[in-house]
Amino acid sequence: MENIFVSDIDGTLTSFGSPVLDEYGIKSLKKASQWGEIILASARPYSGIISMYNPEELEIDYIISLNGGHILYKNKTLFTFPVPSEIVTYFIKNKDRFENLWFYTEFHWYTSTMETDVYKKESYAVNSEAILLNKFKSENVLKILAVCESDRDIIVSEIGNKFSGVNVTSSSESYVEIFSSQINKFNAVETIFRDKETQIFAFGDSNNDLEMIKNSFLGCAVNNATPQVKAVADYISSFNFGKGVYDSLEYIQKKYLI
């Protein structure tokens, strides 16, 4: 039986929008690496994940980026799962409806505008600049993110009812994420280890972590997690962010690894 430790990043290993993992986030990953393999699973693009830590200090073999739309091993692509083209076309035609509209491909990030505060914060967090959406041609889109300050839940419901072939979820108060229905973070983990017998320990905070927390051997929620995540978690830490993950690992160590 192989132990697998899979963790979300923003809101779990660090505070939202941070360009680096926090102190306890790094300590948590180092601690978990003593007992099994580590996976970082995030809505962030690949480039926005690897910029968060020093690879000489912390070795991460597997990365699940874009909620599972892009899966990598040792920085090389294993799998991609594109959003259906008709949904991409719909969002291009309706881009003015959103404060920002972002397309993520395997190698690029496109934005409808660079003038908003939310774009500037995101660019800082992922340590990269986007390309204007009007330059988008024909790449496979692995995730669409619509920024909706006032009607997030309406958009989530509307898109979910309008289209098949996609999952629609939220990862913050204003972010609506659209990606292939073939994937979520837990499905991505299963895709990686489909031929192995594993014991999966998962850590998360947002609704895009729900499947991962609910379906793992042990799902852990940090204290700042949404009510939905806490409702399906096996363990809820009394601490936020990286310290909450570290606390969860101490619980795991005492109950399952000694």
C-alpha atoms as a PDB file:
ATOM      1  CA  MET A   1       0.000   0.000   0.000  1.00  0.00           C
ATOM      2  CA  GLU A   2       1.492   3.316  -1.094  1.00  0.00           C
ATOM      3  CA  ASN A   3       0.743   6.524   0.823  1.00  0.00           C
ATOM      4  CA  ILE A   4      -0.174   9.503  -1.367  1.00  0.00           C
ATOM      5  CA  PHE A   5      -0.432  13.022   0.049  1.00  0.00           C
ATOM      6  CA  VAL A   6      -2.280  15.422  -2.229  1.00  0.00           C
ATOM      7  CA  SER A   7      -2.832  19.056  -1.301  1.00  0.00           C
ATOM      8  CA  ASP A   8      -4.509  22.086  -2.751  1.00  0.00           C
ATOM      9  CA  ILE A   9      -2.415  25.265  -2.635  1.00  0.00           C
ATOM     10  CA  ASP A  10      -4.335  28.559  -2.370  1.00  0.00           C
ATOM     11  CA  GLY A  11      -6.257  28.699   0.889  1.00  0.00           C
ATOM     12  CA  THR A  12      -4.662  25.418   1.994  1.00  0.00           C
ATOM     13  CA  LEU A  13      -0.862  25.475   1.878  1.00  0.00           C
ATOM     14  CA  THR A  14      -0.848  29.261   1.831  1.00  0.00           C
ATOM     15  CA  SER A  15      -3.200  32.238   1.914  1.00  0.00           C
ATOM     16  CA  PHE A  16      -5.107  33.186  -1.237  1.00  0.00           C
ATOM     17  CA  GLY A  17      -3.076  34.965  -3.891  1.00  0.00           C
ATOM     18  CA  SER A  18       0.312  34.461  -2.251  1.00  0.00           C
ATOM     19  CA  PRO A  19       3.218  34.096  -4.709  1.00  0.00           C
ATOM     20  CA  VAL A  20       4.953  31.564  -2.407  1.00  0.00           C
ATOM     21  CA  LEU A  21       4.066  28.709  -0.084  1.00  0.00           C
ATOM     22  CA  ASP A  22       3.947  29.749   3.541  1.00  0.00           C
ATOM     23  CA  GLU A  23       6.400  28.449   6.161  1.00  0.00           C
ATOM     24  CA  TYR A  24       4.051  25.758   7.447  1.00  0.00           C
ATOM     25  CA  GLY A  25       3.076  24.808   3.905  1.00  0.00           C
ATOM     26  CA  ILE A  26       6.694  23.937   3.128  1.00  0.00           C
ATOM     27  CA  LYS A  27       7.144  22.176   6.485  1.00  0.00           C
ATOM     28  CA  SER A  28       4.007  20.153   5.784  1.00  0.00           C
ATOM     29  CA  LEU A  29       5.202  18.938   2.391  1.00  0.00           C
ATOM     30  CA  LYS A  30       8.603  17.999   3.793  1.00  0.00           C
ATOM     31  CA  LYS A  31       6.951  16.137   6.656  1.00  0.00           C
ATOM     32  CA  ALA A  32       4.586  14.228   4.371  1.00  0.00           C
ATOM     33  CA  SER A  33       7.422  13.278   1.997  1.00  0.00           C
ATOM     34  CA  GLN A  34       8.825  11.045   4.752  1.00  0.00           C
ATOM     35  CA  TRP A  35       5.817   8.735   4.400  1.00  0.00           C
ATOM     36  CA  GLY A  36       4.844   8.791   0.738  1.00  0.00           C
ATOM     37  CA  GLU A  37       4.579  10.624  -2.566  1.00  0.00           C
ATOM     38  CA  ILE A  38       3.488  14.261  -2.760  1.00  0.00           C
ATOM     39  CA  ILE A  39       1.114  15.821  -5.261  1.00  0.00           C
ATOM     40  CA  LEU A  40       0.308  19.508  -5.560  1.00  0.00           C
ATOM     41  CA  ALA A  41      -3.231  19.880  -6.928  1.00  0.00           C
ATOM     42  CA  SER A  42      -4.327  23.385  -7.797  1.00  0.00           C
ATOM     43  CA  ALA A  43      -6.521  25.534  -9.987  1.00  0.00           C
ATOM     44  CA  ARG A  44      -3.339  27.457 -10.832  1.00  0.00           C
ATOM     45  CA  PRO A  45      -1.533  26.923 -14.130  1.00  0.00           C
ATOM     46  CA  TYR A  46       1.697  24.929 -14.019  1.00  0.00           C
ATOM     47  CA  SER A  47       3.898  28.037 -14.234  1.00  0.00           C
ATOM     48  CA  GLY A  48       2.055  29.569 -11.299  1.00  0.00           C
ATOM     49  CA  ILE A  49       2.745  26.478  -9.169  1.00  0.00           C
ATOM     50  CA  ILE A  50       6.448  25.848  -9.745  1.00  0.00           C
ATOM     51  CA  SER A  51       7.256  29.493  -9.030  1.00  0.00           C
ATOM     52  CA  MET A  52       5.982  29.088  -5.448  1.00  0.00           C
ATOM     53  CA  TYR A  53       8.859  27.029  -4.055  1.00  0.00           C
ATOM     54  CA  ASN A  54      12.567  26.362  -4.470  1.00  0.00           C
ATOM     55  CA  PRO A  55      13.012  22.990  -6.257  1.00  0.00           C
ATOM     56  CA  GLU A  56      16.366  22.531  -4.523  1.00  0.00           C
ATOM     57  CA  GLU A  57      14.589  22.770  -1.161  1.00  0.00           C
ATOM     58  CA  LEU A  58      11.438  20.869  -2.051  1.00  0.00           C
ATOM     59  CA  GLU A  59      11.114  18.074  -4.607  1.00  0.00           C
ATOM     60  CA  ILE A  60       7.634  17.598  -6.035  1.00  0.00           C
ATOM     61  CA  ASP A  61       7.198  14.783  -8.547  1.00  0.00           C
ATOM     62  CA  TYR A  62       3.547  15.177  -9.545  1.00  0.00           C
ATOM     63  CA  ILE A  63       1.654  18.372 -10.284  1.00  0.00           C
ATOM     64  CA  ILE A  64      -2.052  18.549 -11.027  1.00  0.00           C
ATOM     65  CA  SER A  65      -2.704  22.013 -12.428  1.00  0.00           C
ATOM     66  CA  LEU A  66      -5.899  23.663 -13.701  1.00  0.00           C
ATOM     67  CA  ASN A  67      -8.005  21.424 -11.426  1.00  0.00           C
ATOM     68  CA  GLY A  68      -6.782  18.344 -13.303  1.00  0.00           C
ATOM     69  CA  GLY A  69      -6.855  19.723 -16.830  1.00  0.00           C
ATOM     70  CA  HIS A  70      -3.058  19.447 -16.975  1.00  0.00           C
ATOM     71  CA  ILE A  71      -1.187  16.630 -15.211  1.00  0.00           C
ATOM     72  CA  LEU A  72       2.613  16.559 -15.075  1.00  0.00           C
ATOM     73  CA  TYR A  73       5.333  14.262 -13.799  1.00  0.00           C
ATOM     74  CA  LYS A  74       8.784  15.771 -13.213  1.00  0.00           C
ATOM     75  CA  ASN A  75       7.712  18.863 -15.154  1.00  0.00           C
ATOM     76  CA  LYS A  76       6.672  16.912 -18.252  1.00  0.00           C
ATOM     77  CA  THR A  77       3.074  16.651 -19.422  1.00  0.00           C
ATOM     78  CA  LEU A  78       1.359  13.310 -18.832  1.00  0.00           C
ATOM     79  CA  PHE A  79      -2.246  14.203 -19.707  1.00  0.00           C
ATOM     80  CA  THR A  80      -4.363  17.162 -20.824  1.00  0.00           C
ATOM     81  CA  PHE A  81      -8.166  17.396 -20.867  1.00  0.00           C
ATOM     82  CA  PRO A  82      -9.485  20.256 -23.042  1.00  0.00           C
ATOM     83  CA  VAL A  83     -12.759  22.126 -22.604  1.00  0.00           C
ATOM     84  CA  PRO A  84     -15.186  21.426 -25.516  1.00  0.00           C
ATOM     85  CA  SER A  85     -14.690  23.941 -28.340  1.00  0.00           C
ATOM     86  CA  GLU A  86     -18.326  25.132 -28.409  1.00  0.00           C
ATOM     87  CA  ILE A  87     -17.990  26.300 -24.804  1.00  0.00           C
ATOM     88  CA  VAL A  88     -14.803  28.187 -25.644  1.00  0.00           C
ATOM     89  CA  THR A  89     -16.685  29.886 -28.502  1.00  0.00           C
ATOM     90  CA  TYR A  90     -19.557  30.833 -26.181  1.00  0.00           C
ATOM     91  CA  PHE A  91     -17.246  32.541 -23.708  1.00  0.00           C
ATOM     92  CA  ILE A  92     -15.394  34.435 -26.415  1.00  0.00           C
ATOM     93  CA  LYS A  93     -18.721  35.806 -27.695  1.00  0.00           C
ATOM     94  CA  ASN A  94     -19.815  36.758 -24.155  1.00  0.00           C
ATOM     95  CA  LYS A  95     -16.495  37.993 -22.744  1.00  0.00           C
ATOM     96  CA  ASP A  96     -17.836  41.499 -22.035  1.00  0.00           C
ATOM     97  CA  ARG A  97     -20.262  40.036 -19.510  1.00  0.00           C
ATOM     98  CA  PHE A  98     -17.440  39.351 -17.052  1.00  0.00           C
ATOM     99  CA  GLU A  99     -15.071  41.616 -15.162  1.00  0.00           C
ATOM    100  CA  ASN A 100     -12.280  39.383 -16.442  1.00  0.00           C
ATOM    101  CA  LEU A 101     -12.256  36.253 -18.578  1.00  0.00           C
ATOM    102  CA  TRP A 102      -9.205  33.991 -18.547  1.00  0.00           C
ATOM    103  CA  PHE A 103      -8.323  31.053 -20.787  1.00  0.00           C
ATOM    104  CA  TYR A 104      -5.598  28.636 -19.727  1.00  0.00           C
ATOM    105  CA  THR A 105      -3.832  26.367 -22.217  1.00  0.00           C
ATOM    106  CA  GLU A 106      -0.897  24.024 -21.703  1.00  0.00           C
ATOM    107  CA  PHE A 107       1.631  26.818 -22.150  1.00  0.00           C
ATOM    108  CA  HIS A 108      -0.276  30.132 -22.080  1.00  0.00           C
ATOM    109  CA  TRP A 109      -2.656  32.290 -20.056  1.00  0.00           C
ATOM    110  CA  TYR A 110      -5.026  34.634 -21.914  1.00  0.00           C
ATOM    111  CA  THR A 111      -7.008  37.510 -20.401  1.00  0.00           C
ATOM    112  CA  SER A 112      -9.785  39.736 -21.704  1.00  0.00           C
ATOM    113  CA  THR A 113      -8.166  42.758 -20.014  1.00  0.00           C
ATOM    114  CA  MET A 114      -5.063  43.651 -18.049  1.00  0.00           C
ATOM    115  CA  GLU A 115      -6.569  46.782 -16.501  1.00  0.00           C
ATOM    116  CA  THR A 116      -8.463  45.381 -13.517  1.00  0.00           C
ATOM    117  CA  ASP A 117      -7.195  44.973  -9.964  1.00  0.00           C
ATOM    118  CA  VAL A 118      -8.161  41.296  -9.975  1.00  0.00           C
ATOM    119  CA  TYR A 119      -5.915  40.664 -12.984  1.00  0.00           C
ATOM    120  CA  LYS A 120      -3.013  42.504 -11.337  1.00  0.00           C
ATOM    121  CA  LYS A 121      -3.410  40.445  -8.163  1.00  0.00           C
ATOM    122  CA  GLU A 122      -3.537  37.211 -10.137  1.00  0.00           C
ATOM    123  CA  SER A 123      -0.487  38.145 -12.189  1.00  0.00           C
ATOM    124  CA  TYR A 124       1.416  38.839  -8.973  1.00  0.00           C
ATOM    125  CA  ALA A 125       0.288  35.562  -7.420  1.00  0.00           C
ATOM    126  CA  VAL A 126       1.278  33.376 -10.373  1.00  0.00           C
ATOM    127  CA  ASN A 127       4.387  35.422 -11.162  1.00  0.00           C
ATOM    128  CA  SER A 128       3.575  35.805 -14.865  1.00  0.00           C
ATOM    129  CA  GLU A 129       1.855  38.053 -17.394  1.00  0.00           C
ATOM    130  CA  ALA A 130      -1.042  36.959 -19.568  1.00  0.00           C
ATOM    131  CA  ILE A 131      -1.630  37.444 -23.294  1.00  0.00           C
ATOM    132  CA  LEU A 132      -4.643  39.474 -24.410  1.00  0.00           C
ATOM    133  CA  LEU A 133      -7.555  37.246 -25.364  1.00  0.00           C
ATOM    134  CA  ASN A 134      -7.934  38.891 -28.779  1.00  0.00           C
ATOM    135  CA  LYS A 135      -4.669  37.145 -29.734  1.00  0.00           C
ATOM    136  CA  PHE A 136      -6.061  33.704 -28.908  1.00  0.00           C
ATOM    137  CA  LYS A 137      -6.129  31.408 -31.956  1.00  0.00           C
ATOM    138  CA  SER A 138      -6.755  27.664 -31.828  1.00  0.00           C
ATOM    139  CA  GLU A 139      -4.980  26.147 -28.816  1.00  0.00           C
ATOM    140  CA  ASN A 140      -6.761  23.604 -26.650  1.00  0.00           C
ATOM    141  CA  VAL A 141      -8.239  25.431 -23.650  1.00  0.00           C
ATOM    142  CA  LEU A 142      -7.793  23.404 -20.459  1.00  0.00           C
ATOM    143  CA  LYS A 143      -9.651  25.766 -18.120  1.00  0.00           C
ATOM    144  CA  ILE A 144     -11.825  28.864 -18.368  1.00  0.00           C
ATOM    145  CA  LEU A 145     -12.054  31.229 -15.419  1.00  0.00           C
ATOM    146  CA  ALA A 146     -14.707  33.944 -15.332  1.00  0.00           C
ATOM    147  CA  VAL A 147     -14.425  36.670 -12.693  1.00  0.00           C
ATOM    148  CA  CYS A 148     -17.911  37.578 -11.442  1.00  0.00           C
ATOM    149  CA  GLU A 149     -17.957  39.983  -8.505  1.00  0.00           C
ATOM    150  CA  SER A 150     -21.711  40.049  -7.881  1.00  0.00           C
ATOM    151  CA  ASP A 151     -23.426  37.055  -9.501  1.00  0.00           C
ATOM    152  CA  ARG A 152     -21.026  34.147  -9.111  1.00  0.00           C
ATOM    153  CA  ASP A 153     -23.633  31.589  -8.005  1.00  0.00           C
ATOM    154  CA  ILE A 154     -26.006  32.596 -10.808  1.00  0.00           C
ATOM    155  CA  ILE A 155     -23.260  32.095 -13.387  1.00  0.00           C
ATOM    156  CA  VAL A 156     -22.292  28.710 -11.904  1.00  0.00           C
ATOM    157  CA  SER A 157     -25.894  27.518 -12.151  1.00  0.00           C
ATOM    158  CA  GLU A 158     -26.484  29.018 -15.590  1.00  0.00           C
ATOM    159  CA  ILE A 159     -23.388  27.524 -17.225  1.00  0.00           C
ATOM    160  CA  GLY A 160     -23.981  24.150 -15.577  1.00  0.00           C
ATOM    161  CA  ASN A 161     -27.528  24.043 -16.976  1.00  0.00           C
ATOM    162  CA  LYS A 162     -26.608  25.394 -20.415  1.00  0.00           C
ATOM    163  CA  PHE A 163     -23.756  23.047 -21.319  1.00  0.00           C
ATOM    164  CA  SER A 164     -22.884  19.385 -21.018  1.00  0.00           C
ATOM    165  CA  GLY A 165     -19.328  18.118 -21.072  1.00  0.00           C
ATOM    166  CA  VAL A 166     -18.071  20.518 -18.405  1.00  0.00           C
ATOM    167  CA  ASN A 167     -17.743  20.847 -14.660  1.00  0.00           C
ATOM    168  CA  VAL A 168     -18.481  24.264 -13.193  1.00  0.00           C
ATOM    169  CA  THR A 169     -17.272  25.222  -9.735  1.00  0.00           C
ATOM    170  CA  SER A 170     -16.037  28.158  -7.674  1.00  0.00           C
ATOM    171  CA  SER A 171     -12.663  28.635  -6.020  1.00  0.00           C
ATOM    172  CA  SER A 172     -13.183  32.038  -4.375  1.00  0.00           C
ATOM    173  CA  GLU A 173     -15.952  34.564  -3.812  1.00  0.00           C
ATOM    174  CA  SER A 174     -15.706  35.820  -7.404  1.00  0.00           C
ATOM    175  CA  TYR A 175     -14.058  33.039  -9.453  1.00  0.00           C
ATOM    176  CA  VAL A 176     -16.136  30.689 -11.615  1.00  0.00           C
ATOM    177  CA  GLU A 177     -14.087  27.836 -13.084  1.00  0.00           C
ATOM    178  CA  ILE A 178     -15.121  25.799 -16.124  1.00  0.00           C
ATOM    179  CA  PHE A 179     -13.260  22.648 -17.161  1.00  0.00           C
ATOM    180  CA  SER A 180     -13.824  19.292 -18.853  1.00  0.00           C
ATOM    181  CA  SER A 181     -16.355  17.005 -17.174  1.00  0.00           C
ATOM    182  CA  GLN A 182     -13.766  14.229 -17.474  1.00  0.00           C
ATOM    183  CA  ILE A 183     -11.741  15.740 -14.647  1.00  0.00           C
ATOM    184  CA  ASN A 184     -11.564  16.955 -11.111  1.00  0.00           C
ATOM    185  CA  LYS A 185      -8.627  16.825  -8.717  1.00  0.00           C
ATOM    186  CA  PHE A 186      -9.521  13.381  -7.380  1.00  0.00           C
ATOM    187  CA  ASN A 187      -9.996  11.919 -10.864  1.00  0.00           C
ATOM    188  CA  ALA A 188      -6.567  13.301 -11.739  1.00  0.00           C
ATOM    189  CA  VAL A 189      -5.005  11.485  -8.767  1.00  0.00           C
ATOM    190  CA  GLU A 190      -6.733   8.267  -9.802  1.00  0.00           C
ATOM    191  CA  THR A 191      -5.485   8.749 -13.370  1.00  0.00           C
ATOM    192  CA  ILE A 192      -1.903   8.947 -12.108  1.00  0.00           C
ATOM    193  CA  PHE A 193      -2.111   5.924  -9.809  1.00  0.00           C
ATOM    194  CA  ARG A 194      -4.711   3.798 -11.590  1.00  0.00           C
ATOM    195  CA  ASP A 195      -2.477   0.699 -11.593  1.00  0.00           C
ATOM    196  CA  LYS A 196      -1.311   0.997  -7.982  1.00  0.00           C
ATOM    197  CA  GLU A 197      -2.859   0.234  -4.605  1.00  0.00           C
ATOM    198  CA  THR A 198      -2.846   3.550  -2.755  1.00  0.00           C
ATOM    199  CA  GLN A 199      -3.958   5.199   0.473  1.00  0.00           C
ATOM    200  CA  ILE A 200      -4.741   8.821  -0.335  1.00  0.00           C
ATOM    201  CA  PHE A 201      -4.582  11.615   2.246  1.00  0.00           C
ATOM    202  CA  ALA A 202      -6.024  14.877   0.884  1.00  0.00           C
ATOM    203  CA  PHE A 203      -5.983  18.488   2.123  1.00  0.00           C
ATOM    204  CA  GLY A 204      -8.171  21.334   0.873  1.00  0.00           C
ATOM    205  CA  ASP A 205     -10.345  24.332   1.538  1.00  0.00           C
ATOM    206  CA  SER A 206     -12.464  25.300  -1.500  1.00  0.00           C
ATOM    207  CA  ASN A 207     -15.363  23.769  -3.393  1.00  0.00           C
ATOM    208  CA  ASN A 208     -13.066  22.634  -6.205  1.00  0.00           C
ATOM    209  CA  ASP A 209     -11.511  20.325  -3.574  1.00  0.00           C
ATOM    210  CA  LEU A 210     -14.799  18.609  -2.694  1.00  0.00           C
ATOM    211  CA  GLU A 211     -14.349  15.410  -4.711  1.00  0.00           C
ATOM    212  CA  MET A 212     -10.759  15.073  -3.495  1.00  0.00           C
ATOM    213  CA  ILE A 213     -11.711  15.516   0.173  1.00  0.00           C
ATOM    214  CA  LYS A 214     -14.814  13.330  -0.036  1.00  0.00           C
ATOM    215  CA  ASN A 215     -13.350  10.375  -1.938  1.00  0.00           C
ATOM    216  CA  SER A 216      -9.847  10.039  -0.496  1.00  0.00           C
ATOM    217  CA  PHE A 217      -8.968   7.557   2.240  1.00  0.00           C
ATOM    218  CA  LEU A 218      -8.767  10.541   4.590  1.00  0.00           C
ATOM    219  CA  GLY A 219      -9.906  14.026   3.601  1.00  0.00           C
ATOM    220  CA  CYS A 220      -8.683  16.932   5.739  1.00  0.00           C
ATOM    221  CA  ALA A 221     -10.067  20.472   5.777  1.00  0.00           C
ATOM    222  CA  VAL A 222      -8.154  23.478   7.069  1.00  0.00           C
ATOM    223  CA  ASN A 223     -10.143  25.691   9.421  1.00  0.00           C
ATOM    224  CA  ASN A 224     -10.736  28.381   6.757  1.00  0.00           C
ATOM    225  CA  ALA A 225     -12.396  25.827   4.446  1.00  0.00           C
ATOM    226  CA  THR A 226     -15.879  26.388   3.043  1.00  0.00           C
ATOM    227  CA  PRO A 227     -18.830  24.829   4.898  1.00  0.00           C
ATOM    228  CA  GLN A 228     -19.282  22.399   1.992  1.00  0.00           C
ATOM    229  CA  VAL A 229     -15.712  21.105   2.316  1.00  0.00           C
ATOM    230  CA  LYS A 230     -15.944  20.840   6.098  1.00  0.00           C
ATOM    231  CA  ALA A 231     -19.173  18.859   5.723  1.00  0.00           C
ATOM    232  CA  VAL A 232     -17.424  16.053   3.810  1.00  0.00           C
ATOM    233  CA  ALA A 233     -14.047  16.132   5.586  1.00  0.00           C
ATOM    234  CA  ASP A 234     -12.921  13.333   7.899  1.00  0.00           C
ATOM    235  CA  TYR A 235     -10.752  15.739   9.894  1.00  0.00           C
ATOM    236  CA  ILE A 236     -11.118  19.501  10.346  1.00  0.00           C
ATOM    237  CA  SER A 237      -8.111  21.372  11.677  1.00  0.00           C
ATOM    238  CA  SER A 238      -8.516  24.208  14.141  1.00  0.00           C
ATOM    239  CA  PHE A 239      -5.814  26.121  12.208  1.00  0.00           C
ATOM    240  CA  ASN A 240      -5.853  27.993   8.907  1.00  0.00           C
ATOM    241  CA  PHE A 241      -3.711  27.482   5.786  1.00  0.00           C
ATOM    242  CA  GLY A 242      -0.316  25.750   6.060  1.00  0.00           C
ATOM    243  CA  LYS A 243      -0.527  25.392   9.830  1.00  0.00           C
ATOM    244  CA  GLY A 244      -3.827  23.585   9.341  1.00  0.00           C
ATOM    245  CA  VAL A 245      -2.180  21.117   6.953  1.00  0.00           C
ATOM    246  CA  TYR A 246       0.689  20.580   9.397  1.00  0.00           C
ATOM    247  CA  ASP A 247      -1.787  19.955  12.223  1.00  0.00           C
ATOM    248  CA  SER A 248      -3.679  17.491  10.022  1.00  0.00           C
ATOM    249  CA  LEU A 249      -0.446  15.613   9.303  1.00  0.00           C
ATOM    250  CA  GLU A 250       0.260  15.299  13.010  1.00  0.00           C
ATOM    251  CA  TYR A 251      -3.203  13.766  13.411  1.00  0.00           C
ATOM    252  CA  ILE A 252      -2.504  11.387  10.503  1.00  0.00           C
ATOM    253  CA  GLN A 253       0.877  10.423  11.936  1.00  0.00           C
ATOM    254  CA  LYS A 254      -0.593   9.510  15.327  1.00  0.00           C
ATOM    255  CA  LYS A 255      -3.596   7.626  13.966  1.00  0.00           C
ATOM    256  CA  TYR A 256      -2.322   5.937  10.810  1.00  0.00           C
ATOM    257  CA  LEU A 257       1.471   6.010  10.523  1.00  0.00           C
ATOM    258  CA  ILE A 258       2.798   4.928  13.934  1.00  0.00           C
END
